[in-house]
């Protein structure tokens, strides 16, 4: 099965795993997914992730984080999609929930958070909103 939007598929797999309160979820590996997971780990939304080889594309096991039996990730939303890419200039990078959430932006310097993009003064493609 070919995938058109791997990032959207991974976010959906994570959202579904959180809804049924799973501790881990296995997703297909890619460099973009690894970058997104690294950001989520640094911001405290997931506990950890681990790359697993399967002689194909590879898989990533994501260890989801729960605080007092409530998920650390309450909402995952894909913003840009293959049919309609969403780009923002550095002045227009949104603040998600007045700073209590996070946006992931794909820039020329790689994937960064909305706060980092505003500090660096760079814009790019909006990937996802997370809170």
Protein backbone atom coordinates (compact mmCIF):
# COMPACT_ATOMS: atom_id res chain seq x y z
CA UNK A 1 0.00 0.00 0.00
CA UNK A 2 1.44 3.37 -0.96
CA UNK A 3 1.15 6.25 1.44
CA UNK A 4 0.50 9.74 0.21
CA UNK A 5 0.98 11.53 3.53
CA UNK A 6 3.10 9.55 6.00
CA UNK A 7 3.08 12.30 8.63
CA UNK A 8 -0.73 12.40 8.68
CA UNK A 9 -0.82 8.60 8.98
CA UNK A 10 1.62 8.66 11.91
CA UNK A 11 -0.35 11.39 13.71
CA UNK A 12 -3.55 9.37 13.20
CA UNK A 13 -1.89 6.21 14.57
CA UNK A 14 -0.76 8.15 17.63
CA UNK A 15 -4.21 9.72 18.09
CA UNK A 16 -5.90 6.30 17.87
CA UNK A 17 -3.43 4.74 20.33
CA UNK A 18 -4.04 7.57 22.81
CA UNK A 19 -7.82 7.14 22.53
CA UNK A 20 -7.56 3.47 23.58
CA UNK A 21 -4.88 4.31 26.21
CA UNK A 22 -2.07 2.21 24.73
CA UNK A 23 1.41 2.63 26.17
CA UNK A 24 3.22 2.18 22.85
CA UNK A 25 2.49 2.44 19.14
CA UNK A 26 4.55 1.24 16.17
CA UNK A 27 4.73 3.56 13.15
CA UNK A 28 6.65 3.48 9.85
CA UNK A 29 10.05 5.16 10.01
CA UNK A 30 11.21 8.18 8.04
CA UNK A 31 13.54 11.08 8.72
CA UNK A 32 10.61 13.51 8.97
CA UNK A 33 8.84 11.31 11.51
CA UNK A 34 12.07 11.01 13.55
CA UNK A 35 12.39 14.82 13.59
CA UNK A 36 8.79 15.25 14.72
CA UNK A 37 9.24 12.65 17.47
CA UNK A 38 12.45 14.33 18.65
CA UNK A 39 10.53 17.61 19.03
CA UNK A 40 7.69 15.85 20.88
CA UNK A 41 10.20 14.20 23.22
CA UNK A 42 12.01 17.49 23.98
CA UNK A 43 8.69 19.23 24.68
CA UNK A 44 7.52 16.42 27.00
CA UNK A 45 4.62 15.10 24.92
CA UNK A 46 6.05 11.55 24.61
CA UNK A 47 8.35 9.58 26.87
CA UNK A 48 10.68 8.14 24.24
CA UNK A 49 10.92 6.49 20.84
CA UNK A 50 13.08 3.67 19.51
CA UNK A 51 14.06 2.77 15.95
CA UNK A 52 13.49 -0.90 15.09
CA UNK A 53 14.88 -2.54 11.95
CA UNK A 54 12.65 -4.85 9.89
CA UNK A 55 14.74 -5.23 6.69
CA UNK A 56 12.39 -2.80 4.91
CA UNK A 57 11.62 0.80 5.69
CA UNK A 58 11.97 0.30 9.44
CA UNK A 59 9.59 0.99 12.29
CA UNK A 60 9.61 3.33 15.21
CA UNK A 61 8.16 2.33 18.58
CA UNK A 62 6.72 5.38 20.31
CA UNK A 63 6.32 5.32 24.10
CA UNK A 64 3.34 7.56 24.84
CA UNK A 65 3.26 9.69 27.96
CA UNK A 66 0.42 9.76 30.47
CA UNK A 67 0.20 12.06 33.49
CA UNK A 68 -2.23 10.91 36.21
CA UNK A 69 -3.86 8.53 33.68
CA UNK A 70 -4.46 11.40 31.23
CA UNK A 71 -2.53 11.63 27.97
CA UNK A 72 0.08 14.37 27.65
CA UNK A 73 -1.14 14.86 24.06
CA UNK A 74 -4.75 15.98 24.09
CA UNK A 75 -4.97 17.05 20.46
CA UNK A 76 -3.01 16.32 17.26
CA UNK A 77 -3.97 18.16 14.10
CA UNK A 78 -2.27 17.97 10.71
CA UNK A 79 -2.29 21.42 9.11
CA UNK A 80 -0.62 21.14 5.71
CA UNK A 81 -1.70 18.35 3.40
CA UNK A 82 -0.60 17.19 -0.06
CA UNK A 83 -3.54 18.87 -1.78
CA UNK A 84 -3.20 22.18 0.07
CA UNK A 85 0.14 23.19 1.53
CA UNK A 86 0.03 25.86 4.26
CA UNK A 87 2.98 28.24 4.34
CA UNK A 88 3.53 31.14 6.74
CA UNK A 89 6.00 34.01 6.83
CA UNK A 90 7.98 34.63 9.98
CA UNK A 91 5.54 37.36 11.12
CA UNK A 92 2.56 35.01 10.72
CA UNK A 93 3.79 31.95 12.67
CA UNK A 94 0.80 31.18 14.94
CA UNK A 95 0.88 30.76 18.69
CA UNK A 96 -1.16 27.66 19.58
CA UNK A 97 -3.45 28.15 22.59
CA UNK A 98 -1.57 31.34 23.50
CA UNK A 99 1.65 29.40 24.02
CA UNK A 100 0.21 26.39 25.88
CA UNK A 101 0.26 24.32 22.70
CA UNK A 102 2.84 23.87 19.99
CA UNK A 103 3.03 24.11 16.22
CA UNK A 104 5.62 22.24 14.18
CA UNK A 105 7.04 24.21 11.25
CA UNK A 106 9.15 22.82 8.41
CA UNK A 107 11.81 25.41 7.58
CA UNK A 108 15.02 25.59 5.63
CA UNK A 109 16.77 24.76 8.93
CA UNK A 110 14.69 21.60 9.47
CA UNK A 111 11.63 20.93 11.60
CA UNK A 112 11.31 23.35 14.53
CA UNK A 113 8.61 24.54 16.94
CA UNK A 114 6.61 27.73 16.49
CA UNK A 115 8.54 29.42 19.32
CA UNK A 116 11.90 28.61 17.73
CA UNK A 117 10.65 29.87 14.34
CA UNK A 118 9.54 33.20 15.85
CA UNK A 119 12.85 33.61 17.69
CA UNK A 120 14.88 32.80 14.56
CA UNK A 121 12.65 35.00 12.38
CA UNK A 122 11.94 32.29 9.78
CA UNK A 123 8.74 30.93 8.31
CA UNK A 124 7.92 27.75 6.46
CA UNK A 125 5.34 25.04 5.97
CA UNK A 126 2.98 24.42 8.89
CA UNK A 127 3.05 20.69 9.68
CA UNK A 128 0.92 20.14 12.80
CA UNK A 129 -0.69 21.67 15.88
CA UNK A 130 -0.28 19.81 19.16
CA UNK A 131 -1.64 20.49 22.62
